[in-house]
């Protein structure tokens, strides 16, 4: 913290992190600067907020691929948390560091982190590219697929009445036009 207090005379931006405490010092008057009118200002503020509280201001969902550790950003004084597994079972976990990389993400589903009265959720997904591949592979390894007779079913659809009304109107207009041409 001493480095932050000594920096007041230099007019710079400083970031401080120690034992889970994060702080940002903007050491100049924003009213006397053109920084708020620059394109970089919203980017700077967004980055500051994301660094101060990584998941509170994040638009990215709280999710991780199955088997990879999920970083839990907890309050500085937190010693242990309770984790609700997708099976419904609760496990108490001691917190050696902050952020705490929770390693037991083998099961796919929603995990609940209970830190005193604060409740947070994160998801563990497969993130497998083949899951969302909806293309049909018509040929197997070296052979052509035979789709004859497979899945043939007659489906009855109702007649579209708007088409019949439109057809009748056109026929009526054509008949009326010919009657108008043949009048004496």
N, C-alpha and C. Protein backbone atom coordinates (compact mmCIF):
# COMPACT_ATOMS: atom_id res chain seq x y z
N UNK A 1 0.81 -1.19 0.00
CA UNK A 1 0.00 0.00 0.00
C UNK A 1 0.86 1.26 0.00
N UNK A 2 2.06 1.15 0.52
CA UNK A 2 2.97 2.29 0.57
C UNK A 2 3.28 2.79 -0.83
N UNK A 3 3.46 1.88 -1.76
CA UNK A 3 3.76 2.26 -3.14
C UNK A 3 2.61 3.05 -3.75
N UNK A 4 1.38 2.73 -3.35
CA UNK A 4 0.25 3.47 -3.87
C UNK A 4 0.21 4.89 -3.33
N UNK A 5 0.52 5.07 -2.05
CA UNK A 5 0.48 6.40 -1.46
C UNK A 5 1.60 7.29 -1.99
N UNK A 6 2.75 6.74 -2.27
CA UNK A 6 3.86 7.52 -2.81
C UNK A 6 3.62 7.91 -4.26
N UNK A 7 2.74 7.22 -4.95
CA UNK A 7 2.51 7.45 -6.37
C UNK A 7 1.61 8.65 -6.64
N UNK A 8 1.06 9.28 -5.62
CA UNK A 8 0.11 10.37 -5.83
C UNK A 8 0.69 11.55 -6.57
N UNK A 9 1.93 11.80 -6.48
CA UNK A 9 2.52 12.96 -7.13
C UNK A 9 2.84 12.71 -8.60
N UNK A 10 2.73 11.50 -9.10
CA UNK A 10 3.15 11.20 -10.45
C UNK A 10 2.01 11.18 -11.46
N UNK A 11 0.75 11.16 -11.08
CA UNK A 11 -0.38 11.20 -11.99
C UNK A 11 -0.51 9.98 -12.88
N UNK A 12 -0.41 8.81 -12.32
CA UNK A 12 -0.48 7.57 -13.09
C UNK A 12 -1.59 6.68 -12.55
N UNK A 13 -1.76 5.53 -13.19
CA UNK A 13 -2.75 4.54 -12.74
C UNK A 13 -1.97 3.35 -12.22
N UNK A 14 -2.30 2.92 -10.99
CA UNK A 14 -1.61 1.81 -10.35
C UNK A 14 -2.61 0.73 -9.96
N UNK A 15 -2.15 -0.51 -10.04
CA UNK A 15 -2.94 -1.65 -9.60
C UNK A 15 -2.20 -2.31 -8.44
N UNK A 16 -2.96 -2.72 -7.42
CA UNK A 16 -2.38 -3.32 -6.21
C UNK A 16 -3.08 -4.63 -5.93
N UNK A 17 -2.32 -5.67 -5.65
CA UNK A 17 -2.89 -6.96 -5.29
C UNK A 17 -1.99 -7.61 -4.26
N UNK A 18 -2.57 -7.95 -3.11
CA UNK A 18 -1.83 -8.64 -2.07
C UNK A 18 -2.82 -9.35 -1.17
N UNK A 19 -2.60 -10.65 -0.94
CA UNK A 19 -3.41 -11.47 -0.05
C UNK A 19 -4.90 -11.39 -0.38
N UNK A 20 -5.24 -11.42 -1.65
CA UNK A 20 -6.64 -11.42 -2.07
C UNK A 20 -7.27 -10.04 -2.16
N UNK A 21 -6.57 -8.99 -1.74
CA UNK A 21 -7.10 -7.63 -1.83
C UNK A 21 -6.64 -7.02 -3.15
N UNK A 22 -7.57 -6.45 -3.88
CA UNK A 22 -7.25 -5.79 -5.14
C UNK A 22 -7.72 -4.35 -5.07
N UNK A 23 -6.89 -3.45 -5.58
CA UNK A 23 -7.23 -2.03 -5.60
C UNK A 23 -6.64 -1.38 -6.83
N UNK A 24 -7.30 -0.35 -7.31
CA UNK A 24 -6.80 0.44 -8.44
C UNK A 24 -6.80 1.89 -8.02
N UNK A 25 -5.67 2.56 -8.24
CA UNK A 25 -5.52 3.97 -7.91
C UNK A 25 -5.40 4.75 -9.21
N UNK A 26 -6.36 5.63 -9.47
CA UNK A 26 -6.28 6.56 -10.59
C UNK A 26 -5.85 7.88 -9.98
N UNK A 27 -4.60 8.24 -10.23
CA UNK A 27 -3.95 9.32 -9.49
C UNK A 27 -3.93 10.63 -10.26
N UNK A 28 -5.06 11.01 -10.81
CA UNK A 28 -5.19 12.33 -11.43
C UNK A 28 -6.68 12.64 -11.52
N UNK A 29 -6.98 13.90 -11.71
CA UNK A 29 -8.36 14.35 -11.78
C UNK A 29 -8.90 14.09 -13.19
N UNK A 30 -9.90 13.26 -13.28
CA UNK A 30 -10.47 12.95 -14.59
C UNK A 30 -11.12 14.18 -15.24
N UNK A 31 -11.56 15.15 -14.43
CA UNK A 31 -12.17 16.36 -14.98
C UNK A 31 -11.14 17.25 -15.67
N UNK A 32 -9.87 17.11 -15.25
CA UNK A 32 -8.80 17.92 -15.83
C UNK A 32 -8.09 17.18 -16.97
N UNK A 33 -8.61 16.04 -17.37
CA UNK A 33 -7.99 15.21 -18.38
C UNK A 33 -8.95 14.99 -19.54
N UNK A 34 -8.41 14.65 -20.71
CA UNK A 34 -9.25 14.31 -21.84
C UNK A 34 -9.49 12.81 -21.95
N UNK A 35 -9.05 12.05 -20.96
CA UNK A 35 -9.22 10.60 -20.99
C UNK A 35 -10.68 10.17 -21.11
N UNK A 36 -11.63 10.79 -20.40
CA UNK A 36 -13.03 10.35 -20.56
C UNK A 36 -13.59 10.56 -21.96
N UNK A 37 -12.95 11.40 -22.77
CA UNK A 37 -13.43 11.66 -24.13
C UNK A 37 -12.75 10.78 -25.17
N UNK A 38 -11.83 9.98 -24.75
CA UNK A 38 -11.11 9.10 -25.67
C UNK A 38 -11.80 7.75 -25.80
N UNK A 39 -11.53 7.09 -26.90
CA UNK A 39 -12.10 5.78 -27.15
C UNK A 39 -11.59 4.77 -26.13
N UNK A 40 -10.40 4.97 -25.61
CA UNK A 40 -9.78 4.02 -24.68
C UNK A 40 -10.42 4.06 -23.29
N UNK A 41 -11.17 5.10 -22.94
CA UNK A 41 -11.71 5.22 -21.59
C UNK A 41 -12.67 4.09 -21.23
N UNK A 42 -13.68 3.78 -22.06
CA UNK A 42 -14.57 2.66 -21.68
C UNK A 42 -13.83 1.33 -21.61
N UNK A 43 -12.84 1.16 -22.46
CA UNK A 43 -12.05 -0.07 -22.42
C UNK A 43 -11.26 -0.14 -21.12
N UNK A 44 -10.66 0.97 -20.72
CA UNK A 44 -9.91 1.02 -19.47
C UNK A 44 -10.81 0.72 -18.27
N UNK A 45 -11.98 1.34 -18.23
CA UNK A 45 -12.90 1.12 -17.10
C UNK A 45 -13.40 -0.33 -17.08
N UNK A 46 -13.72 -0.89 -18.23
CA UNK A 46 -14.18 -2.27 -18.30
C UNK A 46 -13.09 -3.22 -17.80
N UNK A 47 -11.86 -2.99 -18.23
CA UNK A 47 -10.75 -3.83 -17.78
C UNK A 47 -10.52 -3.68 -16.28
N UNK A 48 -10.66 -2.48 -15.75
CA UNK A 48 -10.50 -2.27 -14.30
C UNK A 48 -11.57 -3.05 -13.53
N UNK A 49 -12.84 -2.94 -13.96
CA UNK A 49 -13.92 -3.64 -13.28
C UNK A 49 -13.75 -5.15 -13.37
N UNK A 50 -13.35 -5.63 -14.53
CA UNK A 50 -13.14 -7.08 -14.69
C UNK A 50 -11.99 -7.56 -13.81
N UNK A 51 -10.96 -6.76 -13.65
CA UNK A 51 -9.83 -7.17 -12.83
C UNK A 51 -10.20 -7.12 -11.35
N UNK A 52 -10.98 -6.13 -10.94
CA UNK A 52 -11.38 -6.01 -9.54
C UNK A 52 -12.32 -7.14 -9.12
N UNK A 53 -13.24 -7.49 -9.98
CA UNK A 53 -14.20 -8.55 -9.67
C UNK A 53 -14.40 -9.36 -10.94
N UNK A 54 -13.59 -10.37 -11.17
CA UNK A 54 -13.53 -11.05 -12.46
C UNK A 54 -14.85 -11.62 -12.98
N UNK A 55 -15.71 -12.16 -12.12
CA UNK A 55 -16.92 -12.79 -12.64
C UNK A 55 -18.17 -11.96 -12.45
N UNK A 56 -18.12 -10.93 -11.65
CA UNK A 56 -19.32 -10.12 -11.44
C UNK A 56 -19.67 -9.31 -12.68
N UNK A 57 -18.66 -8.81 -13.40
CA UNK A 57 -18.91 -7.96 -14.55
C UNK A 57 -18.67 -8.69 -15.85
N UNK A 58 -18.48 -9.96 -15.79
CA UNK A 58 -18.19 -10.73 -16.99
C UNK A 58 -19.47 -11.07 -17.72
N UNK A 59 -19.42 -10.94 -19.05
CA UNK A 59 -20.57 -11.35 -19.84
C UNK A 59 -20.45 -12.82 -20.23
N UNK A 60 -19.28 -13.39 -20.03
CA UNK A 60 -19.09 -14.81 -20.34
C UNK A 60 -19.73 -15.65 -19.26
N UNK A 61 -20.38 -16.73 -19.64
CA UNK A 61 -21.00 -17.58 -18.64
C UNK A 61 -19.96 -18.29 -17.79
N UNK A 62 -20.34 -18.67 -16.60
CA UNK A 62 -19.44 -19.37 -15.69
C UNK A 62 -19.47 -20.85 -16.05
N UNK A 63 -18.57 -21.25 -16.93
CA UNK A 63 -18.55 -22.64 -17.35
C UNK A 63 -17.12 -23.06 -17.67
N UNK A 64 -16.93 -24.38 -17.64
CA UNK A 64 -15.61 -24.94 -17.88
C UNK A 64 -15.80 -26.29 -18.55
N UNK A 65 -14.79 -26.74 -19.27
CA UNK A 65 -14.82 -28.05 -19.91
C UNK A 65 -14.63 -29.12 -18.85
N UNK A 66 -15.32 -30.24 -19.00
CA UNK A 66 -15.23 -31.33 -18.03
C UNK A 66 -13.79 -31.81 -17.87
N UNK A 67 -13.37 -31.93 -16.61
CA UNK A 67 -12.02 -32.39 -16.31
C UNK A 67 -11.02 -31.27 -16.08
N UNK A 68 -11.36 -30.04 -16.48
CA UNK A 68 -10.45 -28.91 -16.27
C UNK A 68 -10.82 -28.20 -14.97
N UNK A 69 -9.84 -27.66 -14.24
CA UNK A 69 -10.16 -26.96 -12.99
C UNK A 69 -10.89 -25.65 -13.26
N UNK A 70 -11.82 -25.34 -12.37
CA UNK A 70 -12.58 -24.09 -12.47
C UNK A 70 -12.07 -23.11 -11.43
N UNK A 71 -11.63 -21.90 -11.83
CA UNK A 71 -11.12 -20.94 -10.84
C UNK A 71 -12.25 -20.29 -10.05
N UNK A 72 -12.23 -20.46 -8.74
CA UNK A 72 -13.22 -19.84 -7.86
C UNK A 72 -12.61 -18.60 -7.24
N UNK A 73 -13.19 -17.45 -7.54
CA UNK A 73 -12.75 -16.19 -6.94
C UNK A 73 -13.60 -15.95 -5.70
N UNK A 74 -12.98 -16.01 -4.55
CA UNK A 74 -13.69 -15.96 -3.28
C UNK A 74 -13.29 -14.72 -2.50
N UNK A 75 -13.99 -14.46 -1.42
CA UNK A 75 -13.65 -13.34 -0.55
C UNK A 75 -12.32 -13.62 0.13
N UNK A 76 -11.56 -12.57 0.45
CA UNK A 76 -10.21 -12.77 1.01
C UNK A 76 -10.16 -13.60 2.29
N UNK A 77 -11.16 -13.50 3.14
CA UNK A 77 -11.11 -14.20 4.44
C UNK A 77 -11.68 -15.62 4.38
N UNK A 78 -12.09 -16.08 3.24
CA UNK A 78 -12.72 -17.39 3.13
C UNK A 78 -11.70 -18.50 3.32
N UNK A 79 -11.99 -19.42 4.24
CA UNK A 79 -11.11 -20.55 4.52
C UNK A 79 -11.63 -21.85 3.91
N UNK A 80 -12.98 -21.97 3.78
CA UNK A 80 -13.57 -23.17 3.20
C UNK A 80 -14.90 -22.82 2.54
N UNK A 81 -15.27 -23.64 1.58
CA UNK A 81 -16.54 -23.47 0.88
C UNK A 81 -17.23 -24.83 0.78
N UNK A 82 -18.53 -24.78 0.58
CA UNK A 82 -19.29 -26.00 0.32
C UNK A 82 -19.64 -26.00 -1.15
N UNK A 83 -19.43 -27.14 -1.79
CA UNK A 83 -19.68 -27.26 -3.22
C UNK A 83 -20.78 -28.29 -3.43
N UNK A 84 -21.86 -27.86 -4.09
CA UNK A 84 -22.95 -28.76 -4.45
C UNK A 84 -22.69 -29.39 -5.80
N UNK A 85 -22.56 -30.69 -5.85
CA UNK A 85 -22.27 -31.41 -7.08
C UNK A 85 -23.55 -31.62 -7.88
N UNK A 86 -23.44 -31.93 -9.17
CA UNK A 86 -24.65 -32.17 -9.98
C UNK A 86 -25.50 -33.33 -9.46
N UNK A 87 -24.90 -34.26 -8.74
CA UNK A 87 -25.65 -35.39 -8.19
C UNK A 87 -26.50 -35.00 -6.99
N UNK A 88 -26.30 -33.79 -6.46
CA UNK A 88 -27.03 -33.33 -5.29
C UNK A 88 -26.24 -33.45 -4.01
N UNK A 89 -25.11 -34.10 -4.05
CA UNK A 89 -24.26 -34.27 -2.88
C UNK A 89 -23.46 -32.99 -2.63
N UNK A 90 -23.26 -32.66 -1.34
CA UNK A 90 -22.49 -31.48 -0.97
C UNK A 90 -21.14 -31.90 -0.41
N UNK A 91 -20.08 -31.20 -0.80
CA UNK A 91 -18.73 -31.49 -0.36
C UNK A 91 -18.13 -30.21 0.22
N UNK A 92 -17.52 -30.33 1.40
CA UNK A 92 -16.84 -29.18 1.99
C UNK A 92 -15.39 -29.19 1.52
N UNK A 93 -14.90 -28.06 1.04
CA UNK A 93 -13.57 -27.95 0.45
C UNK A 93 -12.80 -26.82 1.13
N UNK A 94 -11.58 -27.10 1.59
CA UNK A 94 -10.75 -26.03 2.15
C UNK A 94 -10.15 -25.22 1.01
N UNK A 95 -9.92 -23.94 1.26
CA UNK A 95 -9.44 -23.01 0.24
C UNK A 95 -8.00 -22.62 0.55
N UNK A 96 -7.01 -23.16 -0.18
CA UNK A 96 -5.62 -22.82 0.09
C UNK A 96 -5.18 -21.52 -0.57
N UNK A 97 -5.86 -21.09 -1.65
CA UNK A 97 -5.45 -19.87 -2.35
C UNK A 97 -6.67 -19.19 -2.96
N UNK A 98 -6.48 -17.96 -3.37
CA UNK A 98 -7.54 -17.21 -4.02
C UNK A 98 -6.95 -16.54 -5.26
N UNK A 99 -7.38 -16.86 -6.46
CA UNK A 99 -8.47 -17.75 -6.82
C UNK A 99 -8.11 -19.20 -6.56
N UNK A 100 -9.14 -19.96 -6.19
CA UNK A 100 -8.96 -21.37 -5.87
C UNK A 100 -9.36 -22.20 -7.08
N UNK A 101 -8.43 -22.96 -7.67
CA UNK A 101 -8.79 -23.80 -8.82
C UNK A 101 -9.46 -25.09 -8.35
N UNK A 102 -10.78 -25.16 -8.47
CA UNK A 102 -11.51 -26.35 -8.04
C UNK A 102 -11.29 -27.45 -9.06
N UNK A 103 -10.63 -28.56 -8.66
CA UNK A 103 -10.20 -29.55 -9.65
C UNK A 103 -11.20 -30.66 -9.97
N UNK A 104 -12.22 -30.88 -9.14
CA UNK A 104 -13.09 -32.05 -9.29
C UNK A 104 -14.28 -31.75 -10.19
N UNK A 105 -14.02 -31.56 -11.48
CA UNK A 105 -15.08 -31.23 -12.44
C UNK A 105 -15.25 -32.34 -13.47
N UNK A 106 -15.25 -33.58 -13.00
CA UNK A 106 -15.38 -34.71 -13.92
C UNK A 106 -16.82 -34.89 -14.39
N UNK A 107 -17.78 -34.60 -13.54
CA UNK A 107 -19.20 -34.80 -13.87
C UNK A 107 -19.76 -33.56 -14.57
N UNK A 108 -20.52 -33.79 -15.63
CA UNK A 108 -21.15 -32.71 -16.36
C UNK A 108 -22.40 -32.28 -15.61
N UNK A 109 -22.62 -30.96 -15.49
CA UNK A 109 -23.81 -30.45 -14.83
C UNK A 109 -23.56 -29.11 -14.17
N UNK A 110 -24.48 -28.72 -13.30
CA UNK A 110 -24.42 -27.44 -12.60
C UNK A 110 -23.85 -27.67 -11.21
N UNK A 111 -22.82 -26.90 -10.86
CA UNK A 111 -22.20 -26.95 -9.54
C UNK A 111 -22.61 -25.68 -8.79
N UNK A 112 -22.82 -25.81 -7.49
CA UNK A 112 -23.19 -24.68 -6.64
C UNK A 112 -22.08 -24.47 -5.62
N UNK A 113 -21.61 -23.22 -5.52
CA UNK A 113 -20.58 -22.88 -4.54
C UNK A 113 -21.25 -22.04 -3.46
N UNK A 114 -21.18 -22.52 -2.22
CA UNK A 114 -21.78 -21.82 -1.09
C UNK A 114 -20.66 -21.28 -0.22
N UNK A 115 -20.53 -19.96 -0.21
CA UNK A 115 -19.50 -19.27 0.56
C UNK A 115 -20.21 -18.38 1.58
N UNK A 116 -20.33 -18.88 2.80
CA UNK A 116 -21.14 -18.25 3.85
C UNK A 116 -22.55 -18.06 3.32
N UNK A 117 -23.04 -16.82 3.12
CA UNK A 117 -24.39 -16.63 2.60
C UNK A 117 -24.40 -16.40 1.09
N UNK A 118 -23.25 -16.31 0.46
CA UNK A 118 -23.15 -16.06 -0.98
C UNK A 118 -23.20 -17.39 -1.74
N UNK A 119 -24.09 -17.45 -2.73
CA UNK A 119 -24.28 -18.66 -3.53
C UNK A 119 -23.94 -18.34 -4.99
N UNK A 120 -23.05 -19.14 -5.59
CA UNK A 120 -22.64 -18.97 -6.97
C UNK A 120 -22.80 -20.29 -7.70
N UNK A 121 -23.10 -20.22 -8.98
CA UNK A 121 -23.27 -21.42 -9.78
C UNK A 121 -22.29 -21.38 -10.95
N UNK A 122 -21.80 -22.55 -11.34
CA UNK A 122 -21.05 -22.67 -12.58
C UNK A 122 -21.38 -24.00 -13.22
N UNK A 123 -21.18 -24.06 -14.54
CA UNK A 123 -21.55 -25.26 -15.30
C UNK A 123 -20.30 -25.96 -15.81
N UNK A 124 -20.38 -27.27 -15.83
CA UNK A 124 -19.33 -28.09 -16.44
C UNK A 124 -19.96 -28.75 -17.66
N UNK A 125 -19.36 -28.47 -18.84
CA UNK A 125 -19.89 -28.96 -20.11
C UNK A 125 -18.86 -29.82 -20.82
N UNK A 126 -19.32 -30.52 -21.85
CA UNK A 126 -18.41 -31.34 -22.63
C UNK A 126 -17.62 -30.51 -23.64
N UNK A 127 -18.23 -29.49 -24.21
CA UNK A 127 -17.60 -28.66 -25.24
C UNK A 127 -17.00 -29.53 -26.34
N UNK A 128 -17.76 -30.50 -26.79
CA UNK A 128 -17.29 -31.40 -27.82
C UNK A 128 -17.81 -30.91 -29.17
N UNK A 129 -16.92 -30.73 -30.13
CA UNK A 129 -17.31 -30.24 -31.45
C UNK A 129 -18.29 -31.19 -32.14
N UNK A 130 -18.12 -32.49 -31.91
CA UNK A 130 -18.99 -33.45 -32.59
C UNK A 130 -20.41 -33.43 -32.04
N UNK A 131 -20.63 -32.84 -30.86
CA UNK A 131 -21.98 -32.76 -30.30
C UNK A 131 -22.90 -31.93 -31.18
N UNK A 132 -22.38 -30.85 -31.72
CA UNK A 132 -23.22 -29.94 -32.50
C UNK A 132 -23.08 -30.15 -34.00
N UNK A 133 -22.46 -31.24 -34.42
CA UNK A 133 -22.37 -31.56 -35.83
C UNK A 133 -23.66 -32.24 -36.25
N UNK A 134 -24.48 -31.54 -37.02
CA UNK A 134 -25.79 -32.07 -37.41
C UNK A 134 -25.79 -32.57 -38.85
N UNK A 135 -24.66 -32.54 -39.51
CA UNK A 135 -24.58 -33.05 -40.87
C UNK A 135 -24.69 -34.57 -40.87
N UNK A 136 -25.40 -35.10 -41.87
CA UNK A 136 -25.58 -36.54 -41.99
C UNK A 136 -24.46 -37.08 -42.85
N UNK A 137 -23.76 -38.07 -42.36
CA UNK A 137 -22.72 -38.72 -43.12
C UNK A 137 -23.36 -39.84 -43.92
N UNK A 138 -23.53 -39.61 -45.22
CA UNK A 138 -24.23 -40.58 -46.06
C UNK A 138 -23.36 -41.76 -46.42
N UNK A 139 -22.08 -41.63 -46.25
CA UNK A 139 -21.21 -42.75 -46.59
C UNK A 139 -20.42 -43.17 -45.37
N UNK A 140 -20.38 -44.46 -45.16
CA UNK A 140 -19.57 -45.00 -44.08
C UNK A 140 -18.12 -45.09 -44.55
N UNK A 141 -17.30 -45.80 -43.84
CA UNK A 141 -15.92 -45.93 -44.27
C UNK A 141 -15.81 -46.77 -45.54
N UNK A 142 -15.72 -46.09 -46.69
CA UNK A 142 -15.51 -46.77 -47.96
C UNK A 142 -16.75 -47.32 -48.62
N UNK A 143 -17.95 -47.09 -48.08
CA UNK A 143 -19.16 -47.61 -48.72
C UNK A 143 -20.26 -46.57 -48.72
N UNK A 144 -21.17 -46.71 -49.65
CA UNK A 144 -22.28 -45.79 -49.81
C UNK A 144 -23.44 -46.24 -48.92
N UNK A 145 -24.06 -45.31 -48.27
CA UNK A 145 -25.19 -45.65 -47.40
C UNK A 145 -26.42 -45.96 -48.23
N UNK A 146 -27.20 -46.94 -47.81
CA UNK A 146 -28.41 -47.33 -48.51
C UNK A 146 -29.61 -46.79 -47.72
N UNK A 147 -30.25 -45.76 -48.29
CA UNK A 147 -31.36 -45.12 -47.60
C UNK A 147 -32.70 -45.51 -48.21
N UNK A 148 -32.74 -46.49 -49.08
CA UNK A 148 -34.00 -46.87 -49.71
C UNK A 148 -34.91 -47.56 -48.70
N UNK A 149 -36.10 -47.07 -48.59
CA UNK A 149 -37.08 -47.69 -47.71
C UNK A 149 -36.92 -47.35 -46.24
N UNK A 150 -35.90 -46.59 -45.91
CA UNK A 150 -35.67 -46.26 -44.51
C UNK A 150 -36.42 -44.97 -44.18
N UNK A 151 -37.27 -45.03 -43.21
CA UNK A 151 -37.95 -43.84 -42.72
C UNK A 151 -39.01 -43.29 -43.66
N UNK A 152 -39.49 -44.10 -44.63
CA UNK A 152 -40.53 -43.59 -45.52
C UNK A 152 -41.86 -43.63 -44.79
N UNK A 153 -42.50 -42.49 -44.77
CA UNK A 153 -43.79 -42.38 -44.10
C UNK A 153 -44.59 -41.30 -44.79
N UNK A 154 -45.84 -41.55 -45.03
CA UNK A 154 -46.69 -40.57 -45.67
C UNK A 154 -47.22 -39.62 -44.59
N UNK A 155 -47.01 -38.36 -44.85
CA UNK A 155 -47.46 -37.35 -43.90
C UNK A 155 -48.54 -36.52 -44.57
N UNK A 156 -49.69 -36.45 -43.96
CA UNK A 156 -50.79 -35.66 -44.50
C UNK A 156 -50.68 -34.24 -43.96
N UNK A 157 -50.73 -33.29 -44.87
CA UNK A 157 -50.70 -31.89 -44.46
C UNK A 157 -52.02 -31.25 -44.84
N UNK A 158 -52.50 -30.32 -44.05
CA UNK A 158 -53.78 -29.67 -44.38
C UNK A 158 -53.62 -28.79 -45.62
N UNK A 159 -54.72 -28.67 -46.37
CA UNK A 159 -54.72 -27.83 -47.56
C UNK A 159 -54.65 -26.37 -47.12
N UNK A 160 -53.81 -25.64 -47.81
CA UNK A 160 -53.69 -24.22 -47.49
C UNK A 160 -54.87 -23.48 -48.11
N UNK A 161 -55.75 -22.93 -47.29
CA UNK A 161 -56.96 -22.28 -47.80
C UNK A 161 -56.66 -20.94 -48.45
N UNK A 162 -55.61 -20.28 -48.08
CA UNK A 162 -55.30 -18.98 -48.68
C UNK A 162 -55.00 -19.14 -50.16
N UNK A 163 -54.37 -20.28 -50.52
CA UNK A 163 -54.06 -20.51 -51.93
C UNK A 163 -55.35 -20.69 -52.74
N UNK A 164 -56.32 -21.41 -52.19
CA UNK A 164 -57.59 -21.61 -52.89
C UNK A 164 -58.36 -20.30 -53.02
N UNK A 165 -58.35 -19.47 -52.01
CA UNK A 165 -59.03 -18.18 -52.07
C UNK A 165 -58.36 -17.29 -53.11
N UNK A 166 -57.03 -17.28 -53.15
CA UNK A 166 -56.30 -16.48 -54.13
C UNK A 166 -56.58 -16.97 -55.55
N UNK A 167 -56.59 -18.29 -55.75
CA UNK A 167 -56.87 -18.86 -57.06
C UNK A 167 -58.29 -18.51 -57.51
N UNK A 168 -59.25 -18.61 -56.61
CA UNK A 168 -60.64 -18.25 -56.93
C UNK A 168 -60.77 -16.79 -57.29
N UNK A 169 -60.07 -15.92 -56.59
CA UNK A 169 -60.13 -14.48 -56.86
C UNK A 169 -59.55 -14.17 -58.24
N UNK A 170 -58.43 -14.79 -58.58
CA UNK A 170 -57.81 -14.57 -59.89
C UNK A 170 -58.74 -15.06 -61.01
N UNK A 171 -59.33 -16.22 -60.83
CA UNK A 171 -60.26 -16.74 -61.84
C UNK A 171 -61.45 -15.80 -61.98
N UNK A 172 -62.00 -15.31 -60.88
CA UNK A 172 -63.13 -14.37 -60.92
C UNK A 172 -62.75 -13.09 -61.64
N UNK A 173 -61.54 -12.57 -61.41
CA UNK A 173 -61.11 -11.35 -62.10
C UNK A 173 -60.95 -11.58 -63.61
N UNK A 174 -60.43 -12.74 -63.99
CA UNK A 174 -60.27 -13.04 -65.42
C UNK A 174 -61.64 -13.16 -66.09
N UNK A 175 -62.58 -13.85 -65.45
CA UNK A 175 -63.93 -13.97 -66.01
C UNK A 175 -64.58 -12.60 -66.12
N UNK A 176 -64.45 -11.76 -65.09
CA UNK A 176 -65.03 -10.42 -65.11
C UNK A 176 -64.40 -9.58 -66.22
N UNK A 177 -63.08 -9.74 -66.45
CA UNK A 177 -62.40 -8.99 -67.49
C UNK A 177 -62.95 -9.38 -68.87
N UNK A 178 -63.17 -10.69 -69.12
CA UNK A 178 -63.71 -11.12 -70.40
C UNK A 178 -65.15 -10.67 -70.60
N UNK A 179 -65.92 -10.64 -69.54
CA UNK A 179 -67.29 -10.13 -69.62
C UNK A 179 -67.28 -8.64 -69.97
N UNK A 180 -66.35 -7.90 -69.37
CA UNK A 180 -66.25 -6.46 -69.64
C UNK A 180 -65.82 -6.20 -71.07
N UNK A 181 -64.93 -7.06 -71.63
CA UNK A 181 -64.50 -6.88 -73.02
C UNK A 181 -65.62 -7.18 -74.00
N UNK A 182 -66.49 -8.10 -73.71
CA UNK A 182 -67.56 -8.51 -74.64
C UNK A 182 -68.85 -7.72 -74.44
N UNK A 183 -68.89 -6.70 -73.70
CA UNK A 183 -70.13 -5.94 -73.53
C UNK A 183 -70.39 -5.10 -74.79
N UNK A 184 -71.68 -4.81 -75.08
CA UNK A 184 -72.01 -4.08 -76.32
C UNK A 184 -71.74 -2.62 -76.26
